[in-house]
Amino acid sequence: MNVQEQAMRLSRPDKLRLMEALWADLTAAEEAFDSPSWHEAALRETEARVAAGEEQRLDWDEAKRRLRVRA
């Protein structure tokens, strides 16, 4: 059984723990992580909307709450 099949058999809490561990490992060396080419343009567009008053910044807890309400 390959690692992906093993991961799919984990419980939801174990999957979340695995995901967090993988993300921590992948982001440990920040300089080794390249953002996708579209990311800078997307950030500039968002900043322009914020500056124009068309969009508001949210703290992370509020953003998560709103996303959960949508789902």
PDB file of N, CA and C in Angstrom:
ATOM      1  N   MET A   1       0.854  -1.178   0.000  1.00  0.00           N
ATOM      2  CA  MET A   1       0.000   0.000   0.000  1.00  0.00           C
ATOM      3  C   MET A   1       0.901   1.243   0.000  1.00  0.00           C
ATOM      4  N   ASN A   2       0.618   2.201  -0.912  1.00  0.00           N
ATOM      5  CA  ASN A   2       1.446   3.401  -0.970  1.00  0.00           C
ATOM      6  C   ASN A   2       1.034   4.401   0.117  1.00  0.00           C
ATOM      7  N   VAL A   3       1.834   5.423   0.266  1.00  0.00           N
ATOM      8  CA  VAL A   3       1.627   6.379   1.353  1.00  0.00           C
ATOM      9  C   VAL A   3       0.294   7.128   1.215  1.00  0.00           C
ATOM     10  N   GLN A   4      -0.114   7.418  -0.022  1.00  0.00           N
ATOM     11  CA  GLN A   4      -1.392   8.112  -0.212  1.00  0.00           C
ATOM     12  C   GLN A   4      -2.556   7.229   0.232  1.00  0.00           C
ATOM     13  N   GLU A   5      -2.511   5.973  -0.106  1.00  0.00           N
ATOM     14  CA  GLU A   5      -3.566   5.051   0.328  1.00  0.00           C
ATOM     15  C   GLU A   5      -3.588   4.932   1.845  1.00  0.00           C
ATOM     16  N   GLN A   6      -2.421   4.915   2.467  1.00  0.00           N
ATOM     17  CA  GLN A   6      -2.353   4.852   3.923  1.00  0.00           C
ATOM     18  C   GLN A   6      -2.966   6.105   4.540  1.00  0.00           C
ATOM     19  N   ALA A   7      -2.656   7.258   3.962  1.00  0.00           N
ATOM     20  CA  ALA A   7      -3.186   8.514   4.485  1.00  0.00           C
ATOM     21  C   ALA A   7      -4.705   8.559   4.373  1.00  0.00           C
ATOM     22  N   MET A   8      -5.249   8.022   3.293  1.00  0.00           N
ATOM     23  CA  MET A   8      -6.692   8.053   3.088  1.00  0.00           C
ATOM     24  C   MET A   8      -7.428   7.187   4.103  1.00  0.00           C
ATOM     25  N   ARG A   9      -6.748   6.248   4.715  1.00  0.00           N
ATOM     26  CA  ARG A   9      -7.377   5.367   5.706  1.00  0.00           C
ATOM     27  C   ARG A   9      -7.321   5.944   7.124  1.00  0.00           C
ATOM     28  N   LEU A  10      -6.631   7.057   7.299  1.00  0.00           N
ATOM     29  CA  LEU A  10      -6.531   7.666   8.625  1.00  0.00           C
ATOM     30  C   LEU A  10      -7.857   8.281   9.039  1.00  0.00           C
ATOM     31  N   SER A  11      -8.031   8.436  10.332  1.00  0.00           N
ATOM     32  CA  SER A  11      -9.207   9.149  10.843  1.00  0.00           C
ATOM     33  C   SER A  11      -9.059  10.636  10.507  1.00  0.00           C
ATOM     34  N   ARG A  12     -10.147  11.351  10.578  1.00  0.00           N
ATOM     35  CA  ARG A  12     -10.100  12.787  10.284  1.00  0.00           C
ATOM     36  C   ARG A  12      -9.108  13.520  11.191  1.00  0.00           C
ATOM     37  N   PRO A  13      -9.127  13.296  12.510  1.00  0.00           N
ATOM     38  CA  PRO A  13      -8.143  13.981  13.363  1.00  0.00           C
ATOM     39  C   PRO A  13      -6.703  13.630  12.997  1.00  0.00           C
ATOM     40  N   ASP A  14      -6.453  12.365  12.644  1.00  0.00           N
ATOM     41  CA  ASP A  14      -5.103  11.971  12.240  1.00  0.00           C
ATOM     42  C   ASP A  14      -4.710  12.612  10.911  1.00  0.00           C
ATOM     43  N   LYS A  15      -5.669  12.732   9.999  1.00  0.00           N
ATOM     44  CA  LYS A  15      -5.389  13.407   8.724  1.00  0.00           C
ATOM     45  C   LYS A  15      -5.012  14.865   8.970  1.00  0.00           C
ATOM     46  N   LEU A  16      -5.722  15.533   9.862  1.00  0.00           N
ATOM     47  CA  LEU A  16      -5.417  16.931  10.170  1.00  0.00           C
ATOM     48  C   LEU A  16      -4.042  17.062  10.805  1.00  0.00           C
ATOM     49  N   ARG A  17      -3.708  16.160  11.725  1.00  0.00           N
ATOM     50  CA  ARG A  17      -2.374  16.184  12.335  1.00  0.00           C
ATOM     51  C   ARG A  17      -1.292  15.952  11.281  1.00  0.00           C
ATOM     52  N   LEU A  18      -1.541  15.017  10.377  1.00  0.00           N
ATOM     53  CA  LEU A  18      -0.583  14.745   9.305  1.00  0.00           C
ATOM     54  C   LEU A  18      -0.428  15.953   8.401  1.00  0.00           C
ATOM     55  N   MET A  19      -1.550  16.577   8.049  1.00  0.00           N
ATOM     56  CA  MET A  19      -1.507  17.752   7.188  1.00  0.00           C
ATOM     57  C   MET A  19      -0.703  18.874   7.839  1.00  0.00           C
ATOM     58  N   GLU A  20      -0.928  19.103   9.129  1.00  0.00           N
ATOM     59  CA  GLU A  20      -0.188  20.142   9.838  1.00  0.00           C
ATOM     60  C   GLU A  20       1.299  19.818   9.891  1.00  0.00           C
ATOM     61  N   ALA A  21       1.634  18.557  10.115  1.00  0.00           N
ATOM     62  CA  ALA A  21       3.042  18.155  10.161  1.00  0.00           C
ATOM     63  C   ALA A  21       3.696  18.322   8.790  1.00  0.00           C
ATOM     64  N   LEU A  22       2.981  17.935   7.729  1.00  0.00           N
ATOM     65  CA  LEU A  22       3.520  18.103   6.384  1.00  0.00           C
ATOM     66  C   LEU A  22       3.722  19.571   6.044  1.00  0.00           C
ATOM     67  N   TRP A  23       2.732  20.410   6.392  1.00  0.00           N
ATOM     68  CA  TRP A  23       2.845  21.842   6.098  1.00  0.00           C
ATOM     69  C   TRP A  23       4.012  22.455   6.869  1.00  0.00           C
ATOM     70  N   ALA A  24       4.166  22.087   8.117  1.00  0.00           N
ATOM     71  CA  ALA A  24       5.283  22.606   8.913  1.00  0.00           C
ATOM     72  C   ALA A  24       6.614  22.205   8.285  1.00  0.00           C
ATOM     73  N   ASP A  25       6.699  20.983   7.801  1.00  0.00           N
ATOM     74  CA  ASP A  25       7.925  20.518   7.167  1.00  0.00           C
ATOM     75  C   ASP A  25       8.177  21.253   5.853  1.00  0.00           C
ATOM     76  N   LEU A  26       7.139  21.413   5.047  1.00  0.00           N
ATOM     77  CA  LEU A  26       7.298  22.070   3.749  1.00  0.00           C
ATOM     78  C   LEU A  26       7.656  23.548   3.879  1.00  0.00           C
ATOM     79  N   THR A  27       7.181  24.194   4.921  1.00  0.00           N
ATOM     80  CA  THR A  27       7.414  25.632   5.074  1.00  0.00           C
ATOM     81  C   THR A  27       8.555  25.957   6.032  1.00  0.00           C
ATOM     82  N   ALA A  28       9.250  24.945   6.529  1.00  0.00           N
ATOM     83  CA  ALA A  28      10.339  25.183   7.483  1.00  0.00           C
ATOM     84  C   ALA A  28      11.446  26.028   6.863  1.00  0.00           C
ATOM     85  N   ALA A  29      11.749  25.782   5.606  1.00  0.00           N
ATOM     86  CA  ALA A  29      12.766  26.562   4.902  1.00  0.00           C
ATOM     87  C   ALA A  29      12.040  27.507   3.957  1.00  0.00           C
ATOM     88  N   GLU A  30      11.646  28.659   4.473  1.00  0.00           N
ATOM     89  CA  GLU A  30      10.825  29.601   3.715  1.00  0.00           C
ATOM     90  C   GLU A  30      11.468  30.005   2.391  1.00  0.00           C
ATOM     91  N   GLU A  31      12.780  30.146   2.387  1.00  0.00           N
ATOM     92  CA  GLU A  31      13.469  30.570   1.161  1.00  0.00           C
ATOM     93  C   GLU A  31      13.399  29.509   0.063  1.00  0.00           C
ATOM     94  N   ALA A  32      13.114  28.273   0.410  1.00  0.00           N
ATOM     95  CA  ALA A  32      13.025  27.204  -0.585  1.00  0.00           C
ATOM     96  C   ALA A  32      11.640  27.139  -1.220  1.00  0.00           C
ATOM     97  N   PHE A  33      10.700  27.919  -0.696  1.00  0.00           N
ATOM     98  CA  PHE A  33       9.331  27.897  -1.185  1.00  0.00           C
ATOM     99  C   PHE A  33       9.134  29.030  -2.186  1.00  0.00           C
ATOM    100  N   ASP A  34       8.825  28.686  -3.412  1.00  0.00           N
ATOM    101  CA  ASP A  34       8.573  29.690  -4.445  1.00  0.00           C
ATOM    102  C   ASP A  34       7.073  29.893  -4.607  1.00  0.00           C
ATOM    103  N   SER A  35       6.656  31.143  -4.523  1.00  0.00           N
ATOM    104  CA  SER A  35       5.252  31.450  -4.773  1.00  0.00           C
ATOM    105  C   SER A  35       4.968  31.273  -6.260  1.00  0.00           C
ATOM    106  N   PRO A  36       3.741  30.911  -6.605  1.00  0.00           N
ATOM    107  CA  PRO A  36       3.402  30.803  -8.025  1.00  0.00           C
ATOM    108  C   PRO A  36       3.498  32.169  -8.702  1.00  0.00           C
ATOM    109  N   SER A  37       3.704  32.176  -9.996  1.00  0.00           N
ATOM    110  CA  SER A  37       3.917  33.424 -10.731  1.00  0.00           C
ATOM    111  C   SER A  37       2.736  34.392 -10.622  1.00  0.00           C
ATOM    112  N   TRP A  38       1.526  33.879 -10.484  1.00  0.00           N
ATOM    113  CA  TRP A  38       0.342  34.733 -10.425  1.00  0.00           C
ATOM    114  C   TRP A  38       0.157  35.386  -9.049  1.00  0.00           C
ATOM    115  N   HIS A  39       0.881  34.927  -8.056  1.00  0.00           N
ATOM    116  CA  HIS A  39       0.631  35.356  -6.682  1.00  0.00           C
ATOM    117  C   HIS A  39       0.894  36.845  -6.466  1.00  0.00           C
ATOM    118  N   GLU A  40       1.987  37.359  -6.990  1.00  0.00           N
ATOM    119  CA  GLU A  40       2.298  38.783  -6.799  1.00  0.00           C
ATOM    120  C   GLU A  40       1.217  39.668  -7.405  1.00  0.00           C
ATOM    121  N   ALA A  41       0.768  39.328  -8.604  1.00  0.00           N
ATOM    122  CA  ALA A  41      -0.286  40.119  -9.250  1.00  0.00           C
ATOM    123  C   ALA A  41      -1.573  40.075  -8.435  1.00  0.00           C
ATOM    124  N   ALA A  42      -1.920  38.914  -7.907  1.00  0.00           N
ATOM    125  CA  ALA A  42      -3.137  38.774  -7.106  1.00  0.00           C
ATOM    126  C   ALA A  42      -3.043  39.615  -5.832  1.00  0.00           C
ATOM    127  N   LEU A  43      -1.870  39.616  -5.205  1.00  0.00           N
ATOM    128  CA  LEU A  43      -1.685  40.424  -4.000  1.00  0.00           C
ATOM    129  C   LEU A  43      -1.805  41.918  -4.310  1.00  0.00           C
ATOM    130  N   ARG A  44      -1.228  42.338  -5.414  1.00  0.00           N
ATOM    131  CA  ARG A  44      -1.329  43.760  -5.804  1.00  0.00           C
ATOM    132  C   ARG A  44      -2.772  44.158  -6.085  1.00  0.00           C
ATOM    133  N   GLU A  45      -3.511  43.293  -6.759  1.00  0.00           N
ATOM    134  CA  GLU A  45      -4.928  43.576  -7.033  1.00  0.00           C
ATOM    135  C   GLU A  45      -5.720  43.700  -5.732  1.00  0.00           C
ATOM    136  N   THR A  46      -5.455  42.816  -4.789  1.00  0.00           N
ATOM    137  CA  THR A  46      -6.149  42.865  -3.503  1.00  0.00           C
ATOM    138  C   THR A  46      -5.796  44.140  -2.755  1.00  0.00           C
ATOM    139  N   GLU A  47      -4.521  44.487  -2.719  1.00  0.00           N
ATOM    140  CA  GLU A  47      -4.107  45.724  -2.047  1.00  0.00           C
ATOM    141  C   GLU A  47      -4.756  46.948  -2.688  1.00  0.00           C
ATOM    142  N   ALA A  48      -4.900  46.953  -4.009  1.00  0.00           N
ATOM    143  CA  ALA A  48      -5.556  48.073  -4.696  1.00  0.00           C
ATOM    144  C   ALA A  48      -7.017  48.175  -4.289  1.00  0.00           C
ATOM    145  N   ARG A  49      -7.708  47.023  -4.172  1.00  0.00           N
ATOM    146  CA  ARG A  49      -9.117  47.041  -3.742  1.00  0.00           C
ATOM    147  C   ARG A  49      -9.248  47.527  -2.300  1.00  0.00           C
ATOM    148  N   VAL A  50      -8.317  47.134  -1.444  1.00  0.00           N
ATOM    149  CA  VAL A  50      -8.333  47.594  -0.051  1.00  0.00           C
ATOM    150  C   VAL A  50      -8.117  49.102  -0.011  1.00  0.00           C
ATOM    151  N   ALA A  51      -7.132  49.583  -0.753  1.00  0.00           N
ATOM    152  CA  ALA A  51      -6.833  51.023  -0.785  1.00  0.00           C
ATOM    153  C   ALA A  51      -8.008  51.832  -1.318  1.00  0.00           C
ATOM    154  N   ALA A  52      -8.767  51.260  -2.258  1.00  0.00           N
ATOM    155  CA  ALA A  52      -9.918  51.954  -2.841  1.00  0.00           C
ATOM    156  C   ALA A  52     -11.172  51.814  -1.979  1.00  0.00           C
ATOM    157  N   GLY A  53     -11.077  51.071  -0.871  1.00  0.00           N
ATOM    158  CA  GLY A  53     -12.229  50.885   0.001  1.00  0.00           C
ATOM    159  C   GLY A  53     -13.216  49.856  -0.518  1.00  0.00           C
ATOM    160  N   GLU A  54     -12.820  49.084  -1.519  1.00  0.00           N
ATOM    161  CA  GLU A  54     -13.707  48.076  -2.101  1.00  0.00           C
ATOM    162  C   GLU A  54     -13.640  46.738  -1.364  1.00  0.00           C
ATOM    163  N   GLU A  55     -12.649  46.595  -0.522  1.00  0.00           N
ATOM    164  CA  GLU A  55     -12.450  45.335   0.190  1.00  0.00           C
ATOM    165  C   GLU A  55     -11.870  45.653   1.562  1.00  0.00           C
ATOM    166  N   GLN A  56     -12.198  44.818   2.544  1.00  0.00           N
ATOM    167  CA  GLN A  56     -11.691  45.029   3.900  1.00  0.00           C
ATOM    168  C   GLN A  56     -10.786  43.876   4.299  1.00  0.00           C
ATOM    169  N   ARG A  57      -9.808  44.212   5.120  1.00  0.00           N
ATOM    170  CA  ARG A  57      -8.960  43.165   5.691  1.00  0.00           C
ATOM    171  C   ARG A  57      -9.709  42.517   6.852  1.00  0.00           C
ATOM    172  N   LEU A  58      -9.490  41.222   7.008  1.00  0.00           N
ATOM    173  CA  LEU A  58     -10.057  40.488   8.131  1.00  0.00           C
ATOM    174  C   LEU A  58      -8.936  39.797   8.879  1.00  0.00           C
ATOM    175  N   ASP A  59      -9.091  39.678  10.195  1.00  0.00           N
ATOM    176  CA  ASP A  59      -8.111  38.858  10.893  1.00  0.00           C
ATOM    177  C   ASP A  59      -8.420  37.395  10.576  1.00  0.00           C
ATOM    178  N   TRP A  60      -7.461  36.535  10.792  1.00  0.00           N
ATOM    179  CA  TRP A  60      -7.563  35.142  10.380  1.00  0.00           C
ATOM    180  C   TRP A  60      -8.747  34.424  11.025  1.00  0.00           C
ATOM    181  N   ASP A  61      -9.004  34.678  12.296  1.00  0.00           N
ATOM    182  CA  ASP A  61     -10.129  34.014  12.963  1.00  0.00           C
ATOM    183  C   ASP A  61     -11.462  34.388  12.318  1.00  0.00           C
ATOM    184  N   GLU A  62     -11.633  35.659  11.979  1.00  0.00           N
ATOM    185  CA  GLU A  62     -12.872  36.093  11.332  1.00  0.00           C
ATOM    186  C   GLU A  62     -12.982  35.515   9.925  1.00  0.00           C
ATOM    187  N   ALA A  63     -11.884  35.470   9.201  1.00  0.00           N
ATOM    188  CA  ALA A  63     -11.904  34.892   7.853  1.00  0.00           C
ATOM    189  C   ALA A  63     -12.314  33.422   7.911  1.00  0.00           C
ATOM    190  N   LYS A  64     -11.751  32.665   8.847  1.00  0.00           N
ATOM    191  CA  LYS A  64     -12.115  31.254   8.983  1.00  0.00           C
ATOM    192  C   LYS A  64     -13.589  31.100   9.327  1.00  0.00           C
ATOM    193  N   ARG A  65     -14.092  31.962  10.229  1.00  0.00           N
ATOM    194  CA  ARG A  65     -15.494  31.890  10.617  1.00  0.00           C
ATOM    195  C   ARG A  65     -16.388  32.108   9.399  1.00  0.00           C
ATOM    196  N   ARG A  66     -16.076  33.121   8.600  1.00  0.00           N
ATOM    197  CA  ARG A  66     -16.890  33.402   7.419  1.00  0.00           C
ATOM    198  C   ARG A  66     -16.832  32.278   6.394  1.00  0.00           C
ATOM    199  N   LEU A  67     -15.667  31.694   6.221  1.00  0.00           N
ATOM    200  CA  LEU A  67     -15.538  30.579   5.281  1.00  0.00           C
ATOM    201  C   LEU A  67     -16.345  29.382   5.743  1.00  0.00           C
ATOM    202  N   ARG A  68     -16.365  29.142   7.039  1.00  0.00           N
ATOM    203  CA  ARG A  68     -17.130  28.006   7.566  1.00  0.00           C
ATOM    204  C   ARG A  68     -18.626  28.205   7.395  1.00  0.00           C
ATOM    205  N   VAL A  69     -19.079  29.439   7.496  1.00  0.00           N
ATOM    206  CA  VAL A  69     -20.506  29.744   7.322  1.00  0.00           C
ATOM    207  C   VAL A  69     -20.927  29.453   5.884  1.00  0.00           C
ATOM    208  N   ARG A  70     -20.046  29.731   4.922  1.00  0.00           N
ATOM    209  CA  ARG A  70     -20.340  29.481   3.506  1.00  0.00           C
ATOM    210  C   ARG A  70     -20.468  28.001   3.179  1.00  0.00           C
ATOM    211  N   ALA A  71     -19.682  27.181   3.850  1.00  0.00           N
ATOM    212  CA  ALA A  71     -19.601  25.752   3.487  1.00  0.00           C
ATOM    213  C   ALA A  71     -20.798  24.965   3.889  1.00  0.00           C
TER     214      ALA A  71
END
